[in-house]
Amino acid sequence: MFCPNCKAEYRPGFTECSDCDVSLVYELPSEGPFPPVAEGDADLVPVYSTYNPTEVMMVKSLLDAEEIVYNFQGELFKGSGVFIVPAMLFVAKADAEKVVDILRDHGIE
């Protein structure tokens, strides 16, 4: 059994995630390398992911300095061990190439 929200795995007999308070499912849906974008963020595209909280802060600082609008999903790194999910950076399609260049110029790829 799995939590569809945090992806935690549970032993048989459990029916609800103790962290998310949602019903467990038998299988998790397959996902691509990036999680789905929220409906209101349809013009955003994923450009970067990391498991490093320091890199999240650095990237946010660089984008704030350039006044680029972004959305960092999962920056609080919920989960533990093998269940941790990377933080995902989403930016407007029009800014994607610029953001990739900025990150590359600072050694972040």
Protein backbone atom coordinates (compact mmCIF):
# COMPACT_ATOMS: atom_id res chain seq x y z
CA MET A 1 0.00 0.00 0.00
CA PHE A 2 1.22 3.49 -0.86
CA CYS A 3 0.27 7.06 -0.06
CA PRO A 4 -0.63 8.80 -3.34
CA ASN A 5 0.49 12.11 -1.86
CA CYS A 6 3.88 11.54 -0.17
CA LYS A 7 4.58 8.14 -1.84
CA ALA A 8 5.34 6.43 1.50
CA GLU A 9 4.96 2.65 1.50
CA TYR A 10 2.89 0.91 4.19
CA ARG A 11 2.61 -2.67 5.39
CA PRO A 12 -0.59 -4.61 4.65
CA GLY A 13 -3.43 -3.69 7.00
CA PHE A 14 -2.92 0.08 6.86
CA THR A 15 -5.56 2.08 4.98
CA GLU A 16 -4.60 5.71 5.57
CA CYS A 17 -1.35 7.68 5.47
CA SER A 18 -0.43 8.78 8.98
CA ASP A 19 1.25 11.97 7.66
CA CYS A 20 -1.15 13.05 4.88
CA ASP A 21 -4.47 11.70 6.20
CA VAL A 22 -5.41 10.31 2.77
CA SER A 23 -6.48 6.82 1.72
CA LEU A 24 -3.72 4.49 0.57
CA VAL A 25 -3.62 2.95 -2.91
CA TYR A 26 -2.27 -0.41 -4.06
CA GLU A 27 -0.01 1.06 -6.76
CA LEU A 28 1.43 4.47 -7.44
CA PRO A 29 0.77 5.92 -10.89
CA SER A 30 3.85 6.01 -13.08
CA GLU A 31 5.34 9.48 -13.40
CA GLY A 32 7.83 10.97 -15.77
CA PRO A 33 11.00 12.54 -14.41
CA PHE A 34 9.02 15.63 -13.32
CA PRO A 35 5.81 15.82 -11.28
CA PRO A 36 2.70 17.27 -12.92
CA VAL A 37 2.43 21.05 -12.93
CA ALA A 38 -0.47 22.61 -11.04
CA GLU A 39 -3.36 23.74 -13.24
CA GLY A 40 -2.70 27.45 -12.59
CA ASP A 41 0.94 27.01 -13.59
CA ALA A 42 0.27 25.57 -17.07
CA ASP A 43 2.76 27.94 -18.70
CA LEU A 44 5.58 26.78 -16.39
CA VAL A 45 8.16 24.20 -17.43
CA PRO A 46 10.59 22.18 -15.27
CA VAL A 47 14.22 23.22 -15.72
CA TYR A 48 16.13 21.87 -12.72
CA SER A 49 15.90 19.42 -9.83
CA THR A 50 18.07 18.84 -6.78
CA TYR A 51 18.24 16.97 -3.49
CA ASN A 52 20.48 19.68 -2.02
CA PRO A 53 18.81 22.37 0.16
CA THR A 54 21.84 24.64 -0.23
CA GLU A 55 21.46 24.57 -4.01
CA VAL A 56 17.77 25.46 -3.64
CA MET A 57 18.71 28.59 -1.67
CA MET A 58 21.41 29.51 -4.16
CA VAL A 59 19.13 29.08 -7.19
CA LYS A 60 16.36 31.10 -5.53
CA SER A 61 18.85 33.87 -4.77
CA LEU A 62 20.08 33.95 -8.38
CA LEU A 63 16.54 34.07 -9.78
CA ASP A 64 15.40 36.69 -7.29
CA ALA A 65 18.35 38.88 -8.30
CA GLU A 66 17.28 38.57 -11.96
CA GLU A 67 13.62 39.16 -10.99
CA ILE A 68 12.59 35.88 -12.64
CA VAL A 69 9.30 34.37 -11.50
CA TYR A 70 9.69 30.73 -10.45
CA ASN A 71 8.04 27.94 -8.50
CA PHE A 72 10.18 25.53 -6.47
CA GLN A 73 8.09 22.45 -5.66
CA GLY A 74 9.21 20.22 -2.82
CA GLU A 75 11.86 22.54 -1.44
CA LEU A 76 11.07 21.38 2.10
CA PHE A 77 12.22 17.85 1.19
CA LYS A 78 9.42 15.86 2.81
CA GLY A 79 10.12 12.21 3.36
CA SER A 80 13.13 10.28 4.48
CA GLY A 81 15.60 7.77 3.17
CA VAL A 82 14.59 6.33 -0.20
CA PHE A 83 11.29 8.22 -0.10
CA ILE A 84 12.75 11.72 -0.39
CA VAL A 85 11.71 13.58 -3.54
CA PRO A 86 13.87 16.19 -5.25
CA ALA A 87 12.97 19.85 -5.25
CA MET A 88 11.81 20.84 -8.73
CA LEU A 89 12.29 24.28 -10.27
CA PHE A 90 9.60 25.49 -12.67
CA VAL A 91 9.82 28.73 -14.67
CA ALA A 92 7.81 30.36 -17.46
CA LYS A 93 8.51 28.83 -20.87
CA ALA A 94 9.79 32.19 -22.06
CA ASP A 95 12.41 32.28 -19.27
CA ALA A 96 13.50 28.63 -19.41
CA GLU A 97 16.55 29.07 -21.64
CA LYS A 98 17.71 32.15 -19.72
CA VAL A 99 17.40 30.32 -16.41
CA VAL A 100 19.34 27.30 -17.66
CA ASP A 101 22.09 29.68 -18.84
CA ILE A 102 22.17 31.49 -15.47
CA LEU A 103 22.44 28.20 -13.59
CA ARG A 104 25.13 26.88 -15.93
CA ASP A 105 27.13 30.12 -15.54
CA HIS A 106 27.16 29.45 -11.79
CA GLY A 107 28.14 25.79 -12.11
CA ILE A 108 24.65 24.44 -11.42
CA GLU A 109 23.44 21.84 -13.90
